[in-house]
PDB file of N, CA and C in Angstrom:
ATOM      1  N   MET A   1     -47.593 -24.154 148.095  1.00  0.00           N
ATOM      2  CA  MET A   1     -48.325 -23.662 146.750  1.00  0.00           C
ATOM      3  C   MET A   1     -48.393 -24.878 145.718  1.00  0.00           C
ATOM      4  N   SER A   2     -49.386 -24.500 145.822  1.00  0.00           N
ATOM      5  CA  SER A   2     -49.450 -26.209 144.215  1.00  0.00           C
ATOM      6  C   SER A   2     -49.423 -25.436 142.658  1.00  0.00           C
ATOM      7  N   ARG A   3     -48.454 -26.405 142.121  1.00  0.00           N
ATOM      8  CA  ARG A   3     -48.367 -25.760 139.869  1.00  0.00           C
ATOM      9  C   ARG A   3     -49.934 -25.828 139.684  1.00  0.00           C
ATOM     10  N   PRO A   4     -49.950 -25.105 138.665  1.00  0.00           N
ATOM     11  CA  PRO A   4     -51.251 -25.654 137.643  1.00  0.00           C
ATOM     12  C   PRO A   4     -50.902 -26.449 136.927  1.00  0.00           C
ATOM     13  N   ALA A   5     -51.711 -27.423 136.607  1.00  0.00           N
ATOM     14  CA  ALA A   5     -52.008 -28.192 136.149  1.00  0.00           C
ATOM     15  C   ALA A   5     -51.625 -28.289 134.579  1.00  0.00           C
ATOM     16  N   GLY A   6     -51.208 -29.008 134.004  1.00  0.00           N
ATOM     17  CA  GLY A   6     -50.288 -28.794 132.031  1.00  0.00           C
ATOM     18  C   GLY A   6     -48.557 -29.420 132.575  1.00  0.00           C
ATOM     19  N   PRO A   7     -48.128 -29.100 131.257  1.00  0.00           N
ATOM     20  CA  PRO A   7     -46.705 -29.752 131.143  1.00  0.00           C
ATOM     21  C   PRO A   7     -45.733 -30.013 132.995  1.00  0.00           C
ATOM     22  N   PRO A   8     -44.859 -30.438 132.782  1.00  0.00           N
ATOM     23  CA  PRO A   8     -43.653 -30.771 134.320  1.00  0.00           C
ATOM     24  C   PRO A   8     -43.215 -29.209 133.417  1.00  0.00           C
ATOM     25  N   ALA A   9     -42.703 -28.578 135.008  1.00  0.00           N
ATOM     26  CA  ALA A   9     -41.864 -27.201 134.728  1.00  0.00           C
ATOM     27  C   ALA A   9     -40.481 -27.829 134.500  1.00  0.00           C
ATOM     28  N   ALA A  10     -40.033 -27.069 133.569  1.00  0.00           N
ATOM     29  CA  ALA A  10     -38.315 -27.579 133.278  1.00  0.00           C
ATOM     30  C   ALA A  10     -37.365 -28.370 134.551  1.00  0.00           C
ATOM     31  N   ASN A  11     -37.632 -28.155 135.431  1.00  0.00           N
ATOM     32  CA  ASN A  11     -37.254 -28.820 136.254  1.00  0.00           C
ATOM     33  C   ASN A  11     -37.889 -29.827 137.600  1.00  0.00           C
ATOM     34  N   GLU A  12     -39.006 -30.083 136.717  1.00  0.00           N
ATOM     35  CA  GLU A  12     -39.528 -30.997 137.386  1.00  0.00           C
ATOM     36  C   GLU A  12     -39.387 -32.555 136.543  1.00  0.00           C
ATOM     37  N   SER A  13     -39.960 -33.792 136.741  1.00  0.00           N
ATOM     38  CA  SER A  13     -39.897 -34.445 135.318  1.00  0.00           C
ATOM     39  C   SER A  13     -41.353 -35.450 136.027  1.00  0.00           C
ATOM     40  N   ALA A  14     -41.447 -35.269 134.544  1.00  0.00           N
ATOM     41  CA  ALA A  14     -42.926 -36.464 134.508  1.00  0.00           C
ATOM     42  C   ALA A  14     -42.652 -37.933 134.333  1.00  0.00           C
ATOM     43  N   VAL A  15     -43.732 -38.444 135.412  1.00  0.00           N
ATOM     44  CA  VAL A  15     -43.775 -39.482 135.551  1.00  0.00           C
ATOM     45  C   VAL A  15     -43.809 -40.381 134.435  1.00  0.00           C
ATOM     46  N   VAL A  16     -43.240 -41.281 134.609  1.00  0.00           N
ATOM     47  CA  VAL A  16     -43.183 -41.662 133.162  1.00  0.00           C
ATOM     48  C   VAL A  16     -44.220 -43.575 133.652  1.00  0.00           C
ATOM     49  N   ARG A  17     -45.150 -43.835 132.644  1.00  0.00           N
ATOM     50  CA  ARG A  17     -45.654 -44.841 133.304  1.00  0.00           C
ATOM     51  C   ARG A  17     -45.772 -46.389 132.022  1.00  0.00           C
ATOM     52  N   VAL A  18     -45.134 -46.892 132.515  1.00  0.00           N
ATOM     53  CA  VAL A  18     -44.956 -48.841 132.303  1.00  0.00           C
ATOM     54  C   VAL A  18     -46.194 -49.564 132.536  1.00  0.00           C
ATOM     55  N   VAL A  19     -46.103 -50.047 131.406  1.00  0.00           N
ATOM     56  CA  VAL A  19     -47.260 -51.182 131.442  1.00  0.00           C
ATOM     57  C   VAL A  19     -46.698 -52.504 131.270  1.00  0.00           C
ATOM     58  N   GLY A  20     -46.764 -53.382 131.503  1.00  0.00           N
ATOM     59  CA  GLY A  20     -46.067 -55.104 131.049  1.00  0.00           C
ATOM     60  C   GLY A  20     -46.864 -56.122 130.786  1.00  0.00           C
ATOM     61  N   ILE A  21     -46.531 -56.955 129.539  1.00  0.00           N
ATOM     62  CA  ILE A  21     -47.730 -57.991 129.428  1.00  0.00           C
ATOM     63  C   ILE A  21     -47.416 -59.230 129.463  1.00  0.00           C
ATOM     64  N   ALA A  22     -47.938 -60.443 129.738  1.00  0.00           N
ATOM     65  CA  ALA A  22     -47.794 -61.674 130.134  1.00  0.00           C
ATOM     66  C   ALA A  22     -48.004 -62.268 129.301  1.00  0.00           C
ATOM     67  N   GLY A  23     -47.244 -62.950 127.894  1.00  0.00           N
ATOM     68  CA  GLY A  23     -48.315 -63.826 127.070  1.00  0.00           C
ATOM     69  C   GLY A  23     -49.183 -65.368 128.056  1.00  0.00           C
ATOM     70  N   SER A  24     -49.048 -65.476 128.971  1.00  0.00           N
ATOM     71  CA  SER A  24     -48.782 -67.054 129.485  1.00  0.00           C
ATOM     72  C   SER A  24     -50.397 -66.342 130.716  1.00  0.00           C
ATOM     73  N   LEU A  25     -50.822 -67.209 130.603  1.00  0.00           N
ATOM     74  CA  LEU A  25     -52.062 -67.124 131.402  1.00  0.00           C
ATOM     75  C   LEU A  25     -51.499 -68.296 132.451  1.00  0.00           C
ATOM     76  N   ARG A  26     -50.668 -68.594 132.985  1.00  0.00           N
ATOM     77  CA  ARG A  26     -50.282 -69.488 134.025  1.00  0.00           C
ATOM     78  C   ARG A  26     -50.327 -68.703 134.907  1.00  0.00           C
ATOM     79  N   ALA A  27     -50.364 -68.856 136.408  1.00  0.00           N
ATOM     80  CA  ALA A  27     -49.748 -68.619 137.912  1.00  0.00           C
ATOM     81  C   ALA A  27     -48.353 -69.150 137.185  1.00  0.00           C
ATOM     82  N   GLY A  28     -47.985 -67.875 137.515  1.00  0.00           N
ATOM     83  CA  GLY A  28     -46.211 -68.126 138.147  1.00  0.00           C
ATOM     84  C   GLY A  28     -44.954 -68.609 137.149  1.00  0.00           C
ATOM     85  N   SER A  29     -45.702 -68.353 135.756  1.00  0.00           N
ATOM     86  CA  SER A  29     -44.946 -68.919 134.530  1.00  0.00           C
ATOM     87  C   SER A  29     -43.369 -68.000 134.746  1.00  0.00           C
ATOM     88  N   ALA A  30     -42.706 -68.265 134.032  1.00  0.00           N
ATOM     89  CA  ALA A  30     -42.032 -68.042 133.371  1.00  0.00           C
ATOM     90  C   ALA A  30     -41.315 -66.563 132.957  1.00  0.00           C
ATOM     91  N   THR A  31     -42.861 -66.806 132.022  1.00  0.00           N
ATOM     92  CA  THR A  31     -42.923 -65.274 131.006  1.00  0.00           C
ATOM     93  C   THR A  31     -43.191 -64.066 132.000  1.00  0.00           C
ATOM     94  N   GLN A  32     -43.968 -64.403 133.047  1.00  0.00           N
ATOM     95  CA  GLN A  32     -44.538 -63.621 133.786  1.00  0.00           C
ATOM     96  C   GLN A  32     -43.762 -62.694 134.972  1.00  0.00           C
ATOM     97  N   MET A  33     -42.802 -63.952 135.283  1.00  0.00           N
ATOM     98  CA  MET A  33     -41.549 -63.637 136.584  1.00  0.00           C
ATOM     99  C   MET A  33     -40.761 -62.836 135.097  1.00  0.00           C
ATOM    100  N   ALA A  34     -40.303 -62.924 134.048  1.00  0.00           N
ATOM    101  CA  ALA A  34     -39.493 -62.149 133.463  1.00  0.00           C
ATOM    102  C   ALA A  34     -40.146 -60.465 133.342  1.00  0.00           C
ATOM    103  N   VAL A  35     -41.163 -60.457 133.003  1.00  0.00           N
ATOM    104  CA  VAL A  35     -41.939 -59.112 132.904  1.00  0.00           C
ATOM    105  C   VAL A  35     -42.239 -58.490 133.693  1.00  0.00           C
ATOM    106  N   ARG A  36     -42.201 -59.184 134.967  1.00  0.00           N
ATOM    107  CA  ARG A  36     -42.227 -57.880 136.369  1.00  0.00           C
ATOM    108  C   ARG A  36     -40.837 -57.612 137.382  1.00  0.00           C
ATOM    109  N   HIS A  37     -40.157 -58.500 136.342  1.00  0.00           N
ATOM    110  CA  HIS A  37     -38.522 -58.572 136.716  1.00  0.00           C
ATOM    111  C   HIS A  37     -38.250 -56.856 136.514  1.00  0.00           C
ATOM    112  N   ALA A  38     -38.444 -56.971 134.568  1.00  0.00           N
ATOM    113  CA  ALA A  38     -38.097 -55.490 133.869  1.00  0.00           C
ATOM    114  C   ALA A  38     -38.970 -54.914 133.871  1.00  0.00           C
ATOM    115  N   LEU A  39     -40.673 -55.062 134.489  1.00  0.00           N
ATOM    116  CA  LEU A  39     -40.931 -53.409 135.476  1.00  0.00           C
ATOM    117  C   LEU A  39     -40.463 -53.035 136.601  1.00  0.00           C
ATOM    118  N   LEU A  40     -39.944 -54.053 137.672  1.00  0.00           N
ATOM    119  CA  LEU A  40     -39.271 -53.725 138.772  1.00  0.00           C
ATOM    120  C   LEU A  40     -38.627 -52.610 138.570  1.00  0.00           C
ATOM    121  N   GLY A  41     -36.827 -53.057 137.212  1.00  0.00           N
ATOM    122  CA  GLY A  41     -36.332 -51.756 137.176  1.00  0.00           C
ATOM    123  C   GLY A  41     -36.591 -51.187 136.213  1.00  0.00           C
ATOM    124  N   ALA A  42     -37.649 -50.572 135.310  1.00  0.00           N
ATOM    125  CA  ALA A  42     -38.530 -49.453 135.597  1.00  0.00           C
ATOM    126  C   ALA A  42     -38.858 -48.861 136.573  1.00  0.00           C
ATOM    127  N   ALA A  43     -39.336 -49.687 137.542  1.00  0.00           N
ATOM    128  CA  ALA A  43     -39.941 -48.838 138.555  1.00  0.00           C
ATOM    129  C   ALA A  43     -38.349 -48.413 139.753  1.00  0.00           C
ATOM    130  N   GLU A  44     -37.574 -49.041 139.496  1.00  0.00           N
ATOM    131  CA  GLU A  44     -36.322 -48.576 140.132  1.00  0.00           C
ATOM    132  C   GLU A  44     -35.659 -47.206 139.478  1.00  0.00           C
ATOM    133  N   ASP A  45     -36.268 -47.318 138.278  1.00  0.00           N
ATOM    134  CA  ASP A  45     -35.706 -46.066 137.845  1.00  0.00           C
ATOM    135  C   ASP A  45     -36.741 -45.056 137.604  1.00  0.00           C
ATOM    136  N   GLY A  46     -38.018 -44.905 138.564  1.00  0.00           N
ATOM    137  CA  GLY A  46     -39.174 -44.156 138.516  1.00  0.00           C
ATOM    138  C   GLY A  46     -39.903 -43.540 138.106  1.00  0.00           C
ATOM    139  N   ALA A  47     -40.040 -45.029 137.006  1.00  0.00           N
ATOM    140  CA  ALA A  47     -41.636 -45.448 136.594  1.00  0.00           C
ATOM    141  C   ALA A  47     -42.420 -45.358 137.391  1.00  0.00           C
ATOM    142  N   ARG A  48     -43.891 -45.246 136.735  1.00  0.00           N
ATOM    143  CA  ARG A  48     -45.047 -46.102 137.971  1.00  0.00           C
ATOM    144  C   ARG A  48     -45.300 -47.008 136.772  1.00  0.00           C
ATOM    145  N   THR A  49     -45.995 -48.608 137.292  1.00  0.00           N
ATOM    146  CA  THR A  49     -45.413 -49.719 136.749  1.00  0.00           C
ATOM    147  C   THR A  49     -47.067 -50.269 136.873  1.00  0.00           C
ATOM    148  N   GLN A  50     -47.031 -50.843 135.847  1.00  0.00           N
ATOM    149  CA  GLN A  50     -47.940 -52.123 136.709  1.00  0.00           C
ATOM    150  C   GLN A  50     -48.155 -53.557 135.150  1.00  0.00           C
ATOM    151  N   LEU A  51     -48.361 -54.543 136.019  1.00  0.00           N
ATOM    152  CA  LEU A  51     -48.774 -55.498 134.760  1.00  0.00           C
ATOM    153  C   LEU A  51     -49.863 -56.075 135.197  1.00  0.00           C
ATOM    154  N   LEU A  52     -50.466 -55.853 133.601  1.00  0.00           N
ATOM    155  CA  LEU A  52     -51.551 -56.057 132.550  1.00  0.00           C
ATOM    156  C   LEU A  52     -51.720 -57.431 132.399  1.00  0.00           C
ATOM    157  N   ASP A  53     -52.694 -57.967 133.503  1.00  0.00           N
ATOM    158  CA  ASP A  53     -53.085 -59.408 133.433  1.00  0.00           C
ATOM    159  C   ASP A  53     -54.140 -59.801 132.149  1.00  0.00           C
ATOM    160  N   LEU A  54     -54.101 -60.626 131.475  1.00  0.00           N
ATOM    161  CA  LEU A  54     -54.287 -61.233 130.071  1.00  0.00           C
ATOM    162  C   LEU A  54     -55.561 -61.666 130.599  1.00  0.00           C
ATOM    163  N   GLY A  55     -55.438 -62.506 131.735  1.00  0.00           N
ATOM    164  CA  GLY A  55     -56.996 -63.313 131.911  1.00  0.00           C
ATOM    165  C   GLY A  55     -57.949 -62.668 132.761  1.00  0.00           C
ATOM    166  N   ALA A  56     -57.123 -61.596 133.227  1.00  0.00           N
ATOM    167  CA  ALA A  56     -58.635 -61.128 134.420  1.00  0.00           C
ATOM    168  C   ALA A  56     -59.209 -60.094 133.180  1.00  0.00           C
ATOM    169  N   TYR A  57     -58.657 -59.577 131.910  1.00  0.00           N
ATOM    170  CA  TYR A  57     -59.710 -58.976 131.479  1.00  0.00           C
ATOM    171  C   TYR A  57     -60.625 -59.337 130.541  1.00  0.00           C
ATOM    172  N   ASP A  58     -60.570 -61.249 129.893  1.00  0.00           N
ATOM    173  CA  ASP A  58     -61.290 -61.720 129.961  1.00  0.00           C
ATOM    174  C   ASP A  58     -61.762 -61.303 128.363  1.00  0.00           C
ATOM    175  N   LEU A  59     -60.720 -61.451 127.829  1.00  0.00           N
ATOM    176  CA  LEU A  59     -60.714 -60.441 126.306  1.00  0.00           C
ATOM    177  C   LEU A  59     -61.190 -62.047 125.407  1.00  0.00           C
ATOM    178  N   PRO A  60     -61.662 -61.218 124.275  1.00  0.00           N
ATOM    179  CA  PRO A  60     -62.689 -62.265 123.406  1.00  0.00           C
ATOM    180  C   PRO A  60     -61.466 -62.561 122.154  1.00  0.00           C
ATOM    181  N   PHE A  61     -62.259 -63.585 121.453  1.00  0.00           N
ATOM    182  CA  PHE A  61     -61.456 -63.366 120.275  1.00  0.00           C
ATOM    183  C   PHE A  61     -61.741 -62.240 119.151  1.00  0.00           C
ATOM    184  N   LEU A  62     -60.468 -62.081 118.787  1.00  0.00           N
ATOM    185  CA  LEU A  62     -60.796 -61.464 117.582  1.00  0.00           C
ATOM    186  C   LEU A  62     -61.926 -61.896 115.980  1.00  0.00           C
ATOM    187  N   GLY A  63     -63.356 -60.947 115.953  1.00  0.00           N
ATOM    188  CA  GLY A  63     -64.373 -61.053 115.093  1.00  0.00           C
ATOM    189  C   GLY A  63     -65.317 -61.588 116.453  1.00  0.00           C
ATOM    190  N   ARG A  64     -65.448 -61.289 117.572  1.00  0.00           N
ATOM    191  CA  ARG A  64     -66.417 -61.341 118.816  1.00  0.00           C
ATOM    192  C   ARG A  64     -66.260 -60.005 119.392  1.00  0.00           C
ATOM    193  N   HIS A  65     -65.230 -58.773 119.087  1.00  0.00           N
ATOM    194  CA  HIS A  65     -64.838 -58.026 119.830  1.00  0.00           C
ATOM    195  C   HIS A  65     -66.060 -56.970 120.103  1.00  0.00           C
ATOM    196  N   THR A  66     -67.316 -57.183 118.717  1.00  0.00           N
ATOM    197  CA  THR A  66     -67.781 -55.771 118.676  1.00  0.00           C
ATOM    198  C   THR A  66     -69.193 -56.439 119.930  1.00  0.00           C
ATOM    199  N   GLU A  67     -69.242 -57.706 120.682  1.00  0.00           N
ATOM    200  CA  GLU A  67     -70.413 -58.114 121.233  1.00  0.00           C
ATOM    201  C   GLU A  67     -70.450 -57.239 122.532  1.00  0.00           C
ATOM    202  N   THR A  68     -71.343 -56.476 123.056  1.00  0.00           N
ATOM    203  CA  THR A  68     -71.294 -55.746 123.968  1.00  0.00           C
ATOM    204  C   THR A  68     -70.114 -55.901 125.505  1.00  0.00           C
ATOM    205  N   ALA A  69     -70.112 -57.330 125.730  1.00  0.00           N
ATOM    206  CA  ALA A  69     -69.603 -57.284 126.792  1.00  0.00           C
ATOM    207  C   ALA A  69     -68.366 -57.492 126.572  1.00  0.00           C
ATOM    208  N   ALA A  70     -67.749 -58.204 125.696  1.00  0.00           N
ATOM    209  CA  ALA A  70     -66.446 -57.958 124.730  1.00  0.00           C
ATOM    210  C   ALA A  70     -66.195 -56.949 124.217  1.00  0.00           C
ATOM    211  N   ALA A  71     -66.757 -55.632 124.186  1.00  0.00           N
ATOM    212  CA  ALA A  71     -66.625 -54.473 123.300  1.00  0.00           C
ATOM    213  C   ALA A  71     -65.901 -54.138 124.668  1.00  0.00           C
ATOM    214  N   LYS A  72     -66.529 -54.378 126.163  1.00  0.00           N
ATOM    215  CA  LYS A  72     -66.436 -53.247 127.299  1.00  0.00           C
ATOM    216  C   LYS A  72     -64.629 -53.718 127.772  1.00  0.00           C
ATOM    217  N   ALA A  73     -64.955 -54.881 127.707  1.00  0.00           N
ATOM    218  CA  ALA A  73     -63.212 -55.948 128.470  1.00  0.00           C
ATOM    219  C   ALA A  73     -62.572 -55.349 127.175  1.00  0.00           C
ATOM    220  N   VAL A  74     -63.028 -54.712 126.045  1.00  0.00           N
ATOM    221  CA  VAL A  74     -61.276 -54.510 125.018  1.00  0.00           C
ATOM    222  C   VAL A  74     -61.528 -52.556 125.105  1.00  0.00           C
ATOM    223  N   GLU A  75     -62.011 -52.087 125.329  1.00  0.00           N
ATOM    224  CA  GLU A  75     -61.796 -50.860 125.667  1.00  0.00           C
ATOM    225  C   GLU A  75     -61.375 -50.553 127.373  1.00  0.00           C
ATOM    226  N   ARG A  76     -61.581 -51.587 127.989  1.00  0.00           N
ATOM    227  CA  ARG A  76     -60.948 -51.342 128.753  1.00  0.00           C
ATOM    228  C   ARG A  76     -59.553 -51.819 128.520  1.00  0.00           C
ATOM    229  N   PHE A  77     -59.169 -52.839 128.082  1.00  0.00           N
ATOM    230  CA  PHE A  77     -57.450 -53.097 127.865  1.00  0.00           C
ATOM    231  C   PHE A  77     -57.027 -52.582 126.750  1.00  0.00           C
ATOM    232  N   VAL A  78     -57.821 -51.559 125.919  1.00  0.00           N
ATOM    233  CA  VAL A  78     -56.992 -50.182 125.208  1.00  0.00           C
ATOM    234  C   VAL A  78     -56.936 -49.202 125.888  1.00  0.00           C
ATOM    235  N   ALA A  79     -57.433 -49.122 126.004  1.00  0.00           N
ATOM    236  CA  ALA A  79     -57.213 -47.710 127.681  1.00  0.00           C
ATOM    237  C   ALA A  79     -56.225 -48.212 128.830  1.00  0.00           C
ATOM    238  N   ASP A  80     -55.924 -49.040 129.289  1.00  0.00           N
ATOM    239  CA  ASP A  80     -54.644 -49.165 130.221  1.00  0.00           C
ATOM    240  C   ASP A  80     -53.568 -49.461 129.121  1.00  0.00           C
ATOM    241  N   LEU A  81     -53.960 -49.638 128.461  1.00  0.00           N
ATOM    242  CA  LEU A  81     -52.773 -49.241 126.903  1.00  0.00           C
ATOM    243  C   LEU A  81     -52.206 -48.139 126.331  1.00  0.00           C
ATOM    244  N   ARG A  82     -53.021 -47.123 126.137  1.00  0.00           N
ATOM    245  CA  ARG A  82     -53.127 -45.551 125.396  1.00  0.00           C
ATOM    246  C   ARG A  82     -52.185 -45.049 126.922  1.00  0.00           C
ATOM    247  N   SER A  83     -52.887 -45.353 127.924  1.00  0.00           N
ATOM    248  CA  SER A  83     -52.343 -44.685 129.119  1.00  0.00           C
ATOM    249  C   SER A  83     -51.290 -44.957 129.771  1.00  0.00           C
ATOM    250  N   ALA A  84     -49.991 -45.820 128.833  1.00  0.00           N
ATOM    251  CA  ALA A  84     -48.417 -46.605 129.257  1.00  0.00           C
ATOM    252  C   ALA A  84     -47.616 -45.786 127.945  1.00  0.00           C
ATOM    253  N   ASP A  85     -46.603 -45.076 128.573  1.00  0.00           N
ATOM    254  CA  ASP A  85     -45.459 -44.773 127.834  1.00  0.00           C
ATOM    255  C   ASP A  85     -44.844 -45.253 127.568  1.00  0.00           C
ATOM    256  N   GLY A  86     -44.576 -46.578 128.109  1.00  0.00           N
ATOM    257  CA  GLY A  86     -43.869 -47.459 127.333  1.00  0.00           C
ATOM    258  C   GLY A  86     -44.660 -48.893 128.059  1.00  0.00           C
ATOM    259  N   ILE A  87     -44.546 -50.242 126.946  1.00  0.00           N
ATOM    260  CA  ILE A  87     -44.860 -50.981 126.982  1.00  0.00           C
ATOM    261  C   ILE A  87     -43.783 -52.309 127.267  1.00  0.00           C
ATOM    262  N   ILE A  88     -43.677 -53.111 127.992  1.00  0.00           N
ATOM    263  CA  ILE A  88     -42.809 -54.410 127.768  1.00  0.00           C
ATOM    264  C   ILE A  88     -43.867 -55.370 127.374  1.00  0.00           C
ATOM    265  N   LEU A  89     -43.449 -56.387 126.639  1.00  0.00           N
ATOM    266  CA  LEU A  89     -44.153 -57.896 126.027  1.00  0.00           C
ATOM    267  C   LEU A  89     -43.275 -58.672 126.538  1.00  0.00           C
ATOM    268  N   GLY A  90     -43.462 -60.288 126.728  1.00  0.00           N
ATOM    269  CA  GLY A  90     -43.010 -60.770 127.317  1.00  0.00           C
ATOM    270  C   GLY A  90     -44.124 -62.033 126.358  1.00  0.00           C
ATOM    271  N   SER A  91     -43.194 -63.317 126.531  1.00  0.00           N
ATOM    272  CA  SER A  91     -44.283 -64.307 125.521  1.00  0.00           C
ATOM    273  C   SER A  91     -43.438 -65.746 125.644  1.00  0.00           C
ATOM    274  N   PRO A  92     -43.906 -66.790 126.068  1.00  0.00           N
ATOM    275  CA  PRO A  92     -43.707 -68.227 125.390  1.00  0.00           C
ATOM    276  C   PRO A  92     -43.197 -68.109 124.305  1.00  0.00           C
ATOM    277  N   GLU A  93     -42.133 -68.646 123.910  1.00  0.00           N
ATOM    278  CA  GLU A  93     -42.522 -68.969 122.656  1.00  0.00           C
ATOM    279  C   GLU A  93     -42.871 -71.124 122.414  1.00  0.00           C
ATOM    280  N   ILE A  94     -43.946 -70.710 121.449  1.00  0.00           N
ATOM    281  CA  ILE A  94     -44.994 -71.547 121.034  1.00  0.00           C
ATOM    282  C   ILE A  94     -45.237 -72.043 119.803  1.00  0.00           C
ATOM    283  N   HIS A  95     -44.976 -72.872 119.105  1.00  0.00           N
ATOM    284  CA  HIS A  95     -44.536 -72.915 117.912  1.00  0.00           C
ATOM    285  C   HIS A  95     -43.354 -72.410 117.063  1.00  0.00           C
ATOM    286  N   GLY A  96     -42.715 -71.741 117.881  1.00  0.00           N
ATOM    287  CA  GLY A  96     -41.533 -70.948 117.335  1.00  0.00           C
ATOM    288  C   GLY A  96     -42.072 -69.357 116.613  1.00  0.00           C
ATOM    289  N   SER A  97     -43.463 -69.030 117.979  1.00  0.00           N
ATOM    290  CA  SER A  97     -43.153 -67.582 117.244  1.00  0.00           C
ATOM    291  C   SER A  97     -44.168 -66.937 119.378  1.00  0.00           C
ATOM    292  N   ILE A  98     -45.306 -65.946 118.906  1.00  0.00           N
ATOM    293  CA  ILE A  98     -45.417 -65.576 120.502  1.00  0.00           C
ATOM    294  C   ILE A  98     -46.894 -66.603 120.724  1.00  0.00           C
ATOM    295  N   SER A  99     -47.135 -65.921 122.060  1.00  0.00           N
ATOM    296  CA  SER A  99     -48.209 -66.945 122.939  1.00  0.00           C
ATOM    297  C   SER A  99     -50.050 -66.851 121.463  1.00  0.00           C
ATOM    298  N   GLY A 100     -50.892 -67.542 121.439  1.00  0.00           N
ATOM    299  CA  GLY A 100     -51.656 -66.965 121.122  1.00  0.00           C
ATOM    300  C   GLY A 100     -52.705 -66.117 122.078  1.00  0.00           C
ATOM    301  N   VAL A 101     -52.397 -65.706 123.360  1.00  0.00           N
ATOM    302  CA  VAL A 101     -53.401 -65.271 123.582  1.00  0.00           C
ATOM    303  C   VAL A 101     -52.274 -63.501 124.194  1.00  0.00           C
ATOM    304  N   LEU A 102     -51.563 -63.605 123.793  1.00  0.00           N
ATOM    305  CA  LEU A 102     -50.277 -62.472 123.460  1.00  0.00           C
ATOM    306  C   LEU A 102     -50.797 -61.403 122.142  1.00  0.00           C
ATOM    307  N   LYS A 103     -51.185 -63.202 120.811  1.00  0.00           N
ATOM    308  CA  LYS A 103     -51.508 -62.307 119.564  1.00  0.00           C
ATOM    309  C   LYS A 103     -52.461 -62.042 119.610  1.00  0.00           C
ATOM    310  N   ASN A 104     -53.575 -62.575 120.188  1.00  0.00           N
ATOM    311  CA  ASN A 104     -54.719 -62.211 120.493  1.00  0.00           C
ATOM    312  C   ASN A 104     -54.673 -60.724 121.099  1.00  0.00           C
ATOM    313  N   ALA A 105     -54.169 -60.618 121.462  1.00  0.00           N
ATOM    314  CA  ALA A 105     -55.167 -59.266 122.985  1.00  0.00           C
ATOM    315  C   ALA A 105     -54.100 -57.916 121.670  1.00  0.00           C
ATOM    316  N   LEU A 106     -53.270 -58.878 121.116  1.00  0.00           N
ATOM    317  CA  LEU A 106     -52.625 -57.286 120.190  1.00  0.00           C
ATOM    318  C   LEU A 106     -53.552 -56.860 118.959  1.00  0.00           C
ATOM    319  N   ASP A 107     -53.713 -58.092 118.444  1.00  0.00           N
ATOM    320  CA  ASP A 107     -54.878 -58.208 117.109  1.00  0.00           C
ATOM    321  C   ASP A 107     -55.826 -57.151 117.379  1.00  0.00           C
ATOM    322  N   LEU A 108     -56.184 -57.496 119.033  1.00  0.00           N
ATOM    323  CA  LEU A 108     -57.862 -56.305 119.380  1.00  0.00           C
ATOM    324  C   LEU A 108     -57.427 -54.790 119.686  1.00  0.00           C
ATOM    325  N   THR A 109     -55.862 -54.485 119.675  1.00  0.00           N
ATOM    326  CA  THR A 109     -55.434 -53.018 119.177  1.00  0.00           C
ATOM    327  C   THR A 109     -55.686 -52.767 117.909  1.00  0.00           C
ATOM    328  N   ASP A 110     -54.856 -51.685 117.960  1.00  0.00           N
ATOM    329  CA  ASP A 110     -54.545 -51.103 116.646  1.00  0.00           C
ATOM    330  C   ASP A 110     -53.188 -50.622 116.320  1.00  0.00           C
ATOM    331  N   ARG A 111     -52.547 -50.544 115.212  1.00  0.00           N
ATOM    332  CA  ARG A 111     -51.266 -50.100 115.076  1.00  0.00           C
ATOM    333  C   ARG A 111     -50.682 -48.564 115.827  1.00  0.00           C
ATOM    334  N   GLY A 112     -51.699 -47.818 115.944  1.00  0.00           N
ATOM    335  CA  GLY A 112     -51.775 -46.399 116.268  1.00  0.00           C
ATOM    336  C   GLY A 112     -51.566 -46.084 117.222  1.00  0.00           C
ATOM    337  N   LEU A 113     -52.005 -47.182 118.382  1.00  0.00           N
ATOM    338  CA  LEU A 113     -52.237 -47.370 119.898  1.00  0.00           C
ATOM    339  C   LEU A 113     -50.433 -47.000 120.097  1.00  0.00           C
ATOM    340  N   PHE A 114     -49.892 -47.885 119.576  1.00  0.00           N
ATOM    341  CA  PHE A 114     -48.275 -47.631 119.880  1.00  0.00           C
ATOM    342  C   PHE A 114     -47.240 -47.060 119.784  1.00  0.00           C
ATOM    343  N   GLU A 115     -48.016 -45.936 118.330  1.00  0.00           N
ATOM    344  CA  GLU A 115     -46.853 -44.839 117.645  1.00  0.00           C
ATOM    345  C   GLU A 115     -45.878 -43.820 119.523  1.00  0.00           C
ATOM    346  N   GLY A 116     -45.059 -43.583 118.996  1.00  0.00           N
ATOM    347  CA  GLY A 116     -44.500 -42.626 120.189  1.00  0.00           C
ATOM    348  C   GLY A 116     -44.445 -43.000 121.405  1.00  0.00           C
ATOM    349  N   LYS A 117     -44.661 -44.754 121.792  1.00  0.00           N
ATOM    350  CA  LYS A 117     -44.023 -45.463 122.996  1.00  0.00           C
ATOM    351  C   LYS A 117     -43.042 -46.413 122.643  1.00  0.00           C
ATOM    352  N   MET A 118     -42.358 -46.672 123.851  1.00  0.00           N
ATOM    353  CA  MET A 118     -40.916 -47.893 123.772  1.00  0.00           C
ATOM    354  C   MET A 118     -41.972 -48.834 123.998  1.00  0.00           C
ATOM    355  N   VAL A 119     -41.724 -50.243 123.326  1.00  0.00           N
ATOM    356  CA  VAL A 119     -42.328 -51.343 123.351  1.00  0.00           C
ATOM    357  C   VAL A 119     -41.212 -52.309 123.165  1.00  0.00           C
TER     358      VAL A 119
END
């Protein structure tokens, strides 16, 4: 017998969704490996995990995010972040800061997207 949709019962646990973002577009980068390792740890604890590949989104630069094709890419990225309970960010250090690709991706979101989430 299936349980009706809604919040989990007291004896059930909700599945936590954790996404990871590596601020490097280079395949096999150390940053990507570190984020994958962190996601593996979350999965071992029962979380549903996903690595969000910034290169696959084809995100525009901030300022061009309202153009039709660009807006769809941003919407897809934001929807994937919104559906997560936790977010793992990884970035190589570039000139003493995070990578430009990660900074741009975060600039395309809004602060409210991260409220109530473990980051």
